[in-house]
């Protein structure tokens, strides 16, 4: 069981140039990709992350070749 860093997400908000909070709209099926974590806690769909820090987003991939 190993968690690896997720590449930086690409997003923007013209009304708020400095993004502090993000909402995860959907997540892939964990049996296909693996489990996505933020600060060590599994992420769920519709979850809002306050004071988002990209370095805290990780994934524990399923066995085999996976593209994040």
N, C-alpha and C. Protein backbone atom coordinates (compact mmCIF):
# COMPACT_ATOMS: atom_id res chain seq x y z
N UNK A 1 0.85 -1.18 0.00
CA UNK A 1 0.00 0.00 0.00
C UNK A 1 0.90 1.24 0.00
N UNK A 2 0.87 1.96 -1.10
CA UNK A 2 1.70 3.15 -1.26
C UNK A 2 0.87 4.27 -1.87
N UNK A 3 0.94 5.44 -1.26
CA UNK A 3 0.28 6.60 -1.84
C UNK A 3 1.32 7.41 -2.59
N UNK A 4 0.95 7.88 -3.78
CA UNK A 4 1.85 8.67 -4.61
C UNK A 4 1.23 10.03 -4.88
N UNK A 5 2.07 11.01 -5.13
CA UNK A 5 1.59 12.36 -5.40
C UNK A 5 0.80 12.41 -6.69
N UNK A 6 -0.23 13.24 -6.71
CA UNK A 6 -1.03 13.47 -7.91
C UNK A 6 -0.45 14.68 -8.62
N UNK A 7 -0.31 14.60 -9.95
CA UNK A 7 0.16 15.80 -10.67
C UNK A 7 -0.76 16.99 -10.38
N UNK A 8 -0.23 18.21 -10.42
CA UNK A 8 -1.06 19.38 -10.11
C UNK A 8 -2.32 19.43 -10.98
N UNK A 9 -3.43 19.76 -10.34
CA UNK A 9 -4.70 19.90 -11.06
C UNK A 9 -4.71 21.22 -11.81
N UNK A 10 -5.42 21.24 -12.92
CA UNK A 10 -5.54 22.45 -13.71
C UNK A 10 -6.94 23.02 -13.54
N UNK A 11 -7.04 24.21 -12.97
CA UNK A 11 -8.33 24.86 -12.80
C UNK A 11 -8.10 26.35 -12.63
N UNK A 12 -9.17 27.12 -12.83
CA UNK A 12 -9.07 28.57 -12.64
C UNK A 12 -10.45 29.14 -12.34
N UNK A 13 -10.45 30.31 -11.77
CA UNK A 13 -11.69 31.04 -11.49
C UNK A 13 -11.39 32.51 -11.71
N UNK A 14 -11.92 33.10 -12.81
CA UNK A 14 -11.61 34.50 -13.11
C UNK A 14 -12.05 35.47 -12.01
N UNK A 15 -13.04 35.07 -11.22
CA UNK A 15 -13.52 35.94 -10.15
C UNK A 15 -12.67 35.83 -8.89
N UNK A 16 -11.92 34.75 -8.78
CA UNK A 16 -11.07 34.53 -7.61
C UNK A 16 -9.74 33.96 -8.08
N UNK A 17 -8.79 34.84 -8.47
CA UNK A 17 -7.54 34.36 -9.05
C UNK A 17 -6.73 33.45 -8.12
N UNK A 18 -6.81 33.64 -6.83
CA UNK A 18 -6.10 32.78 -5.89
C UNK A 18 -7.10 31.77 -5.32
N UNK A 19 -7.00 30.54 -5.77
CA UNK A 19 -7.94 29.49 -5.37
C UNK A 19 -7.55 28.97 -3.99
N UNK A 20 -8.51 29.03 -3.04
CA UNK A 20 -8.26 28.51 -1.70
C UNK A 20 -9.08 27.26 -1.42
N UNK A 21 -10.29 27.21 -1.95
CA UNK A 21 -11.19 26.09 -1.69
C UNK A 21 -11.60 25.46 -3.02
N UNK A 22 -11.63 24.12 -3.06
CA UNK A 22 -12.09 23.44 -4.26
C UNK A 22 -13.14 22.41 -3.86
N UNK A 23 -14.02 22.09 -4.80
CA UNK A 23 -15.01 21.04 -4.59
C UNK A 23 -14.74 19.93 -5.60
N UNK A 24 -14.61 18.72 -5.11
CA UNK A 24 -14.41 17.56 -5.96
C UNK A 24 -15.78 17.16 -6.48
N UNK A 25 -16.03 17.34 -7.77
CA UNK A 25 -17.34 17.05 -8.35
C UNK A 25 -17.57 15.54 -8.48
N UNK A 26 -16.57 14.82 -8.91
CA UNK A 26 -16.70 13.38 -9.07
C UNK A 26 -15.33 12.74 -8.93
N UNK A 27 -15.32 11.46 -8.65
CA UNK A 27 -14.07 10.71 -8.57
C UNK A 27 -14.23 9.42 -9.38
N UNK A 28 -13.13 8.92 -9.93
CA UNK A 28 -13.22 7.67 -10.68
C UNK A 28 -13.52 6.50 -9.75
N UNK A 29 -13.99 5.42 -10.33
CA UNK A 29 -14.27 4.22 -9.58
C UNK A 29 -12.98 3.72 -8.93
N UNK A 30 -12.94 3.59 -7.60
CA UNK A 30 -11.70 3.16 -6.93
C UNK A 30 -11.17 1.81 -7.41
N UNK A 31 -12.04 0.93 -7.89
CA UNK A 31 -11.55 -0.38 -8.35
C UNK A 31 -10.84 -0.26 -9.70
N UNK A 32 -11.02 0.87 -10.40
CA UNK A 32 -10.37 1.10 -11.69
C UNK A 32 -9.05 1.84 -11.53
N UNK A 33 -9.05 2.90 -10.73
CA UNK A 33 -7.87 3.75 -10.57
C UNK A 33 -7.17 3.51 -9.25
N UNK A 34 -7.93 3.50 -8.19
CA UNK A 34 -7.40 3.43 -6.84
C UNK A 34 -8.17 4.42 -5.98
N UNK A 35 -7.64 4.72 -4.83
CA UNK A 35 -8.30 5.64 -3.91
C UNK A 35 -7.53 6.96 -3.88
N UNK A 36 -8.28 8.05 -3.96
CA UNK A 36 -7.69 9.39 -3.91
C UNK A 36 -7.80 9.90 -2.47
N UNK A 37 -6.71 10.47 -1.97
CA UNK A 37 -6.66 10.97 -0.60
C UNK A 37 -6.29 12.44 -0.59
N UNK A 38 -6.80 13.15 0.40
CA UNK A 38 -6.35 14.51 0.68
C UNK A 38 -5.94 14.54 2.14
N UNK A 39 -4.69 14.83 2.38
CA UNK A 39 -4.13 14.87 3.74
C UNK A 39 -4.38 13.56 4.48
N UNK A 40 -4.27 12.43 3.74
CA UNK A 40 -4.39 11.12 4.34
C UNK A 40 -5.80 10.60 4.52
N UNK A 41 -6.81 11.36 4.10
CA UNK A 41 -8.21 10.95 4.24
C UNK A 41 -8.81 10.75 2.85
N UNK A 42 -9.51 9.63 2.64
CA UNK A 42 -10.10 9.32 1.33
C UNK A 42 -11.06 10.44 0.91
N UNK A 43 -10.95 10.83 -0.35
CA UNK A 43 -11.78 11.89 -0.93
C UNK A 43 -13.09 11.28 -1.41
N UNK A 44 -14.19 12.02 -1.24
CA UNK A 44 -15.49 11.58 -1.72
C UNK A 44 -16.03 12.59 -2.73
N UNK A 45 -16.94 12.14 -3.59
CA UNK A 45 -17.57 13.04 -4.56
C UNK A 45 -18.35 14.12 -3.81
N UNK A 46 -18.35 15.31 -4.34
CA UNK A 46 -19.02 16.50 -3.78
C UNK A 46 -18.35 17.05 -2.53
N UNK A 47 -17.16 16.56 -2.22
CA UNK A 47 -16.44 17.04 -1.05
C UNK A 47 -15.78 18.38 -1.35
N UNK A 48 -15.92 19.34 -0.44
CA UNK A 48 -15.23 20.62 -0.56
C UNK A 48 -13.99 20.57 0.31
N UNK A 49 -12.86 20.94 -0.28
CA UNK A 49 -11.60 20.99 0.45
C UNK A 49 -11.27 22.46 0.70
N UNK A 50 -11.22 22.83 1.96
CA UNK A 50 -10.91 24.21 2.36
C UNK A 50 -9.40 24.39 2.41
N UNK A 51 -8.95 25.56 2.03
CA UNK A 51 -7.51 25.89 2.04
C UNK A 51 -6.70 24.82 1.30
N UNK A 52 -7.13 24.51 0.09
CA UNK A 52 -6.52 23.45 -0.72
C UNK A 52 -5.02 23.63 -0.87
N UNK A 53 -4.29 22.54 -0.62
CA UNK A 53 -2.85 22.50 -0.80
C UNK A 53 -2.54 21.32 -1.72
N UNK A 54 -2.12 21.58 -2.97
CA UNK A 54 -1.93 20.49 -3.94
C UNK A 54 -0.96 19.41 -3.48
N UNK A 55 -0.03 19.71 -2.61
CA UNK A 55 0.94 18.71 -2.17
C UNK A 55 0.31 17.66 -1.26
N UNK A 56 -0.92 17.89 -0.78
CA UNK A 56 -1.58 16.94 0.11
C UNK A 56 -2.49 15.97 -0.63
N UNK A 57 -2.61 16.12 -1.96
CA UNK A 57 -3.46 15.24 -2.76
C UNK A 57 -2.63 14.06 -3.26
N UNK A 58 -3.05 12.84 -2.91
CA UNK A 58 -2.32 11.63 -3.30
C UNK A 58 -3.31 10.59 -3.81
N UNK A 59 -2.77 9.56 -4.43
CA UNK A 59 -3.58 8.43 -4.87
C UNK A 59 -2.88 7.14 -4.48
N UNK A 60 -3.67 6.17 -4.05
CA UNK A 60 -3.17 4.82 -3.80
C UNK A 60 -3.67 3.99 -4.97
N UNK A 61 -2.85 3.77 -5.99
CA UNK A 61 -3.33 3.10 -7.20
C UNK A 61 -3.60 1.62 -6.98
N UNK A 62 -4.46 1.07 -7.84
CA UNK A 62 -4.68 -0.37 -7.84
C UNK A 62 -3.42 -1.03 -8.41
N UNK A 63 -3.28 -2.32 -8.25
CA UNK A 63 -2.13 -3.04 -8.79
C UNK A 63 -2.15 -2.99 -10.31
N UNK A 64 -0.99 -2.92 -10.90
CA UNK A 64 -0.88 -2.90 -12.35
C UNK A 64 -0.53 -1.52 -12.86
N UNK A 65 -0.66 -1.33 -14.16
CA UNK A 65 -0.35 -0.05 -14.79
C UNK A 65 -1.55 0.86 -14.71
N UNK A 66 -1.37 2.03 -14.10
CA UNK A 66 -2.46 3.00 -13.93
C UNK A 66 -1.97 4.37 -14.37
N UNK A 67 -2.80 5.08 -15.11
CA UNK A 67 -2.50 6.45 -15.48
C UNK A 67 -3.37 7.39 -14.67
N UNK A 68 -2.76 8.30 -13.95
CA UNK A 68 -3.52 9.26 -13.14
C UNK A 68 -3.79 10.49 -13.98
